[in-house]
C-alpha atoms as a PDB file:
ATOM      1  CA  MET A   1      92.231  70.523  66.710  1.00  0.00           C
ATOM      2  CA  ALA A   2      90.046  72.497  69.140  1.00  0.00           C
ATOM      3  CA  HIS A   3      89.567  71.312  72.689  1.00  0.00           C
ATOM      4  CA  ASP A   4      86.611  72.197  74.840  1.00  0.00           C
ATOM      5  CA  GLU A   5      88.144  70.742  77.979  1.00  0.00           C
ATOM      6  CA  PRO A   6      90.885  72.490  79.939  1.00  0.00           C
ATOM      7  CA  LEU A   7      94.317  70.881  79.900  1.00  0.00           C
ATOM      8  CA  TRP A   8      94.498  71.008  83.694  1.00  0.00           C
ATOM      9  CA  GLN A   9      92.268  71.813  86.642  1.00  0.00           C
ATOM     10  CA  PRO A  10      93.297  72.212  90.272  1.00  0.00           C
ATOM     11  CA  THR A  11      91.962  69.809  92.855  1.00  0.00           C
ATOM     12  CA  VAL A  12      89.042  70.845  95.047  1.00  0.00           C
ATOM     13  CA  GLU A  13      91.473  71.008  97.983  1.00  0.00           C
ATOM     14  CA  ALA A  14      93.864  73.290  96.074  1.00  0.00           C
ATOM     15  CA  VAL A  15      91.010  75.638  95.142  1.00  0.00           C
ATOM     16  CA  ARG A  16      89.761  75.684  98.734  1.00  0.00           C
ATOM     17  CA  ALA A  17      93.254  76.552 100.036  1.00  0.00           C
ATOM     18  CA  SER A  18      94.054  79.155  97.357  1.00  0.00           C
ATOM     19  CA  ASN A  19      94.629  82.823  98.090  1.00  0.00           C
ATOM     20  CA  ILE A  20      91.794  83.857  95.783  1.00  0.00           C
ATOM     21  CA  THR A  21      89.319  81.650  97.682  1.00  0.00           C
ATOM     22  CA  ARG A  22      90.600  83.027 100.989  1.00  0.00           C
ATOM     23  CA  PHE A  23      90.254  86.580  99.638  1.00  0.00           C
ATOM     24  CA  MET A  24      86.663  85.970  98.506  1.00  0.00           C
ATOM     25  CA  ALA A  25      85.853  84.683 102.017  1.00  0.00           C
ATOM     26  CA  TYR A  26      87.551  87.777 103.495  1.00  0.00           C
ATOM     27  CA  MET A  27      85.400  90.011 101.294  1.00  0.00           C
ATOM     28  CA  ALA A  28      82.267  88.178 102.452  1.00  0.00           C
ATOM     29  CA  ARG A  29      83.216  88.607 106.127  1.00  0.00           C
ATOM     30  CA  HIS A  30      84.354  92.216 105.977  1.00  0.00           C
ATOM     31  CA  TYR A  31      82.244  93.706 103.192  1.00  0.00           C
ATOM     32  CA  GLY A  32      79.202  91.441 102.949  1.00  0.00           C
ATOM     33  CA  THR A  33      80.008  90.593  99.337  1.00  0.00           C
ATOM     34  CA  TRP A  34      79.642  87.141  97.852  1.00  0.00           C
ATOM     35  CA  PHE A  35      81.257  85.869  94.678  1.00  0.00           C
ATOM     36  CA  ALA A  36      80.313  82.690  92.851  1.00  0.00           C
ATOM     37  CA  ASP A  37      83.750  82.453  91.271  1.00  0.00           C
ATOM     38  CA  SER A  38      86.797  84.416  90.165  1.00  0.00           C
ATOM     39  CA  ARG A  39      84.849  85.961  87.274  1.00  0.00           C
ATOM     40  CA  ASP A  40      82.442  87.521  89.779  1.00  0.00           C
ATOM     41  CA  LEU A  41      85.396  88.803  91.801  1.00  0.00           C
ATOM     42  CA  HIS A  42      86.996  90.275  88.690  1.00  0.00           C
ATOM     43  CA  ALA A  43      83.748  91.993  87.701  1.00  0.00           C
ATOM     44  CA  PHE A  44      83.525  93.473  91.202  1.00  0.00           C
ATOM     45  CA  SER A  45      87.137  94.706  91.007  1.00  0.00           C
ATOM     46  CA  VAL A  46      86.316  96.600  87.807  1.00  0.00           C
ATOM     47  CA  ARG A  47      82.926  97.860  89.006  1.00  0.00           C
ATOM     48  CA  VAL A  48      83.994  98.937  92.531  1.00  0.00           C
ATOM     49  CA  PRO A  49      87.775  99.493  92.489  1.00  0.00           C
ATOM     50  CA  GLU A  50      87.559 101.912  95.435  1.00  0.00           C
ATOM     51  CA  VAL A  51      86.499  98.957  97.613  1.00  0.00           C
ATOM     52  CA  PHE A  52      88.431  96.150  95.937  1.00  0.00           C
ATOM     53  CA  TRP A  53      91.967  97.571  95.963  1.00  0.00           C
ATOM     54  CA  PRO A  54      92.184  98.746  99.599  1.00  0.00           C
ATOM     55  CA  ALA A  55      90.566  95.449 100.660  1.00  0.00           C
ATOM     56  CA  LEU A  56      93.278  93.553  98.776  1.00  0.00           C
ATOM     57  CA  TRP A  57      95.974  95.660 100.476  1.00  0.00           C
ATOM     58  CA  ASP A  58      94.480  94.904 103.896  1.00  0.00           C
ATOM     59  CA  PHE A  59      93.926  91.200 103.157  1.00  0.00           C
ATOM     60  CA  PHE A  60      97.579  90.671 102.313  1.00  0.00           C
ATOM     61  CA  GLY A  61      98.709  92.702 105.331  1.00  0.00           C
ATOM     62  CA  ILE A  62     100.913  95.057 103.354  1.00  0.00           C
ATOM     63  CA  VAL A  63     103.042  97.117 105.709  1.00  0.00           C
ATOM     64  CA  GLY A  64     102.955 100.793 104.813  1.00  0.00           C
ATOM     65  CA  GLU A  65     100.584 103.642 104.095  1.00  0.00           C
ATOM     66  CA  LYS A  66      98.187 102.955 101.239  1.00  0.00           C
ATOM     67  CA  GLY A  67      97.462 106.673 100.902  1.00  0.00           C
ATOM     68  CA  HIS A  68      94.082 108.117 100.025  1.00  0.00           C
ATOM     69  CA  GLY A  69      91.850 107.048  97.174  1.00  0.00           C
ATOM     70  CA  PRO A  70      91.610 106.664  94.372  1.00  0.00           C
ATOM     71  CA  TYR A  71      93.676 103.521  94.776  1.00  0.00           C
ATOM     72  CA  LEU A  72      93.548 102.847  91.050  1.00  0.00           C
ATOM     73  CA  LYS A  73      94.266 105.822  88.816  1.00  0.00           C
ATOM     74  CA  ASP A  74      93.699 105.605  85.071  1.00  0.00           C
ATOM     75  CA  GLY A  75      92.408 102.039  85.354  1.00  0.00           C
ATOM     76  CA  GLY A  76      91.347 102.068  81.716  1.00  0.00           C
ATOM     77  CA  LYS A  77      94.944 102.554  80.595  1.00  0.00           C
ATOM     78  CA  MET A  78      96.787  99.279  80.469  1.00  0.00           C
ATOM     79  CA  PRO A  79      99.666  99.855  80.447  1.00  0.00           C
ATOM     80  CA  GLY A  80      99.657 103.163  82.222  1.00  0.00           C
ATOM     81  CA  ALA A  81      97.347 102.531  85.171  1.00  0.00           C
ATOM     82  CA  GLN A  82      98.669 103.465  88.603  1.00  0.00           C
ATOM     83  CA  PHE A  83      97.862 101.308  91.598  1.00  0.00           C
ATOM     84  CA  PHE A  84      98.021 103.044  94.999  1.00  0.00           C
ATOM     85  CA  PRO A  85      99.595 106.196  93.544  1.00  0.00           C
ATOM     86  CA  ASP A  86      99.980 107.848  96.979  1.00  0.00           C
ATOM     87  CA  ALA A  87     101.181 104.736  98.810  1.00  0.00           C
ATOM     88  CA  ARG A  88     104.406 104.657 100.783  1.00  0.00           C
ATOM     89  CA  LEU A  89     106.005 101.380 101.691  1.00  0.00           C
ATOM     90  CA  ASN A  90     109.324  99.690 102.117  1.00  0.00           C
ATOM     91  CA  PHE A  91     109.592  96.776  99.716  1.00  0.00           C
ATOM     92  CA  ALA A  92     112.256  94.987 101.773  1.00  0.00           C
ATOM     93  CA  GLU A  93     110.189  95.325 104.951  1.00  0.00           C
ATOM     94  CA  ASN A  94     107.227  93.713 103.222  1.00  0.00           C
ATOM     95  CA  LEU A  95     109.344  91.019 101.645  1.00  0.00           C
ATOM     96  CA  LEU A  96     110.946  90.106 104.966  1.00  0.00           C
ATOM     97  CA  ALA A  97     107.690  90.199 106.947  1.00  0.00           C
ATOM     98  CA  ARG A  98     107.184  86.507 106.258  1.00  0.00           C
ATOM     99  CA  PRO A  99     108.482  84.467 109.204  1.00  0.00           C
ATOM    100  CA  GLY A 100     109.347  80.821 109.421  1.00  0.00           C
ATOM    101  CA  HIS A 101     111.342  77.932 108.122  1.00  0.00           C
ATOM    102  CA  GLU A 102     109.994  77.941 104.563  1.00  0.00           C
ATOM    103  CA  PRO A 103     112.537  78.553 101.793  1.00  0.00           C
ATOM    104  CA  ALA A 104     112.950  82.221 100.920  1.00  0.00           C
ATOM    105  CA  VAL A 105     115.791  81.714  98.439  1.00  0.00           C
ATOM    106  CA  VAL A 106     116.581  78.542  96.526  1.00  0.00           C
ATOM    107  CA  PHE A 107     119.799  78.655  94.534  1.00  0.00           C
ATOM    108  CA  TRP A 108     121.081  76.022  92.131  1.00  0.00           C
ATOM    109  CA  GLY A 109     124.293  77.093  90.471  1.00  0.00           C
ATOM    110  CA  GLU A 110     125.556  75.869  87.128  1.00  0.00           C
ATOM    111  CA  ASP A 111     128.394  74.205  89.038  1.00  0.00           C
ATOM    112  CA  ARG A 112     125.751  72.111  90.872  1.00  0.00           C
ATOM    113  CA  VAL A 113     126.040  74.136  94.077  1.00  0.00           C
ATOM    114  CA  LYS A 114     122.713  74.140  95.877  1.00  0.00           C
ATOM    115  CA  ARG A 115     121.790  76.528  98.654  1.00  0.00           C
ATOM    116  CA  ARG A 116     118.543  77.201 100.489  1.00  0.00           C
ATOM    117  CA  LEU A 117     117.921  80.124 102.766  1.00  0.00           C
ATOM    118  CA  GLN A 118     114.928  80.134 105.083  1.00  0.00           C
ATOM    119  CA  TRP A 119     112.924  83.311 105.717  1.00  0.00           C
ATOM    120  CA  GLU A 120     114.247  83.701 109.252  1.00  0.00           C
ATOM    121  CA  GLU A 121     117.847  83.239 108.036  1.00  0.00           C
ATOM    122  CA  LEU A 122     117.345  85.808 105.281  1.00  0.00           C
ATOM    123  CA  THR A 123     115.842  88.280 107.732  1.00  0.00           C
ATOM    124  CA  ALA A 124     118.758  87.770 110.136  1.00  0.00           C
ATOM    125  CA  GLN A 125     121.323  88.304 107.372  1.00  0.00           C
ATOM    126  CA  VAL A 126     119.588  91.451 106.149  1.00  0.00           C
ATOM    127  CA  SER A 127     119.468  92.727 109.744  1.00  0.00           C
ATOM    128  CA  ARG A 128     123.203  92.141 110.187  1.00  0.00           C
ATOM    129  CA  LEU A 129     123.944  93.984 106.941  1.00  0.00           C
ATOM    130  CA  GLN A 130     121.671  96.884 107.957  1.00  0.00           C
ATOM    131  CA  GLN A 131     123.411  97.140 111.341  1.00  0.00           C
ATOM    132  CA  TRP A 132     126.846  97.079 109.691  1.00  0.00           C
ATOM    133  CA  LEU A 133     125.860  99.778 107.212  1.00  0.00           C
ATOM    134  CA  LYS A 134     124.420 101.916 110.003  1.00  0.00           C
ATOM    135  CA  SER A 135     127.551 101.503 112.114  1.00  0.00           C
ATOM    136  CA  HIS A 136     129.578 102.783 109.142  1.00  0.00           C
ATOM    137  CA  GLY A 137     127.426 105.866 108.683  1.00  0.00           C
ATOM    138  CA  VAL A 138     125.376 104.644 105.752  1.00  0.00           C
END
């Protein structure tokens, strides 16, 4: 049985607060582009990848060097495309750049053990480990 209606749609508030909506607004402010919807944004990303990909990097505040364009190499090869082929970044640094009391790790063990680690706790633990490793010549 075919259905013409989607099974689920986000609320207007959820759409307004989404990262893709925020990114489209960022593109309008910084690049003078306007997108009616995500299809327009996708079409732009394919048509002008040299603008889209570095803008996405900047929007998300990625810490590192994005390198020089092209930022998408062999975009017609999926799989096989390379995004930011000359970029240099530290994955852990980017992962831990998120501050606050939100959960970073949520663990529920099979033995019913539950543990939550907030971003600031995770960052502090990683820092202690890094300092220990450094003090031992690693």
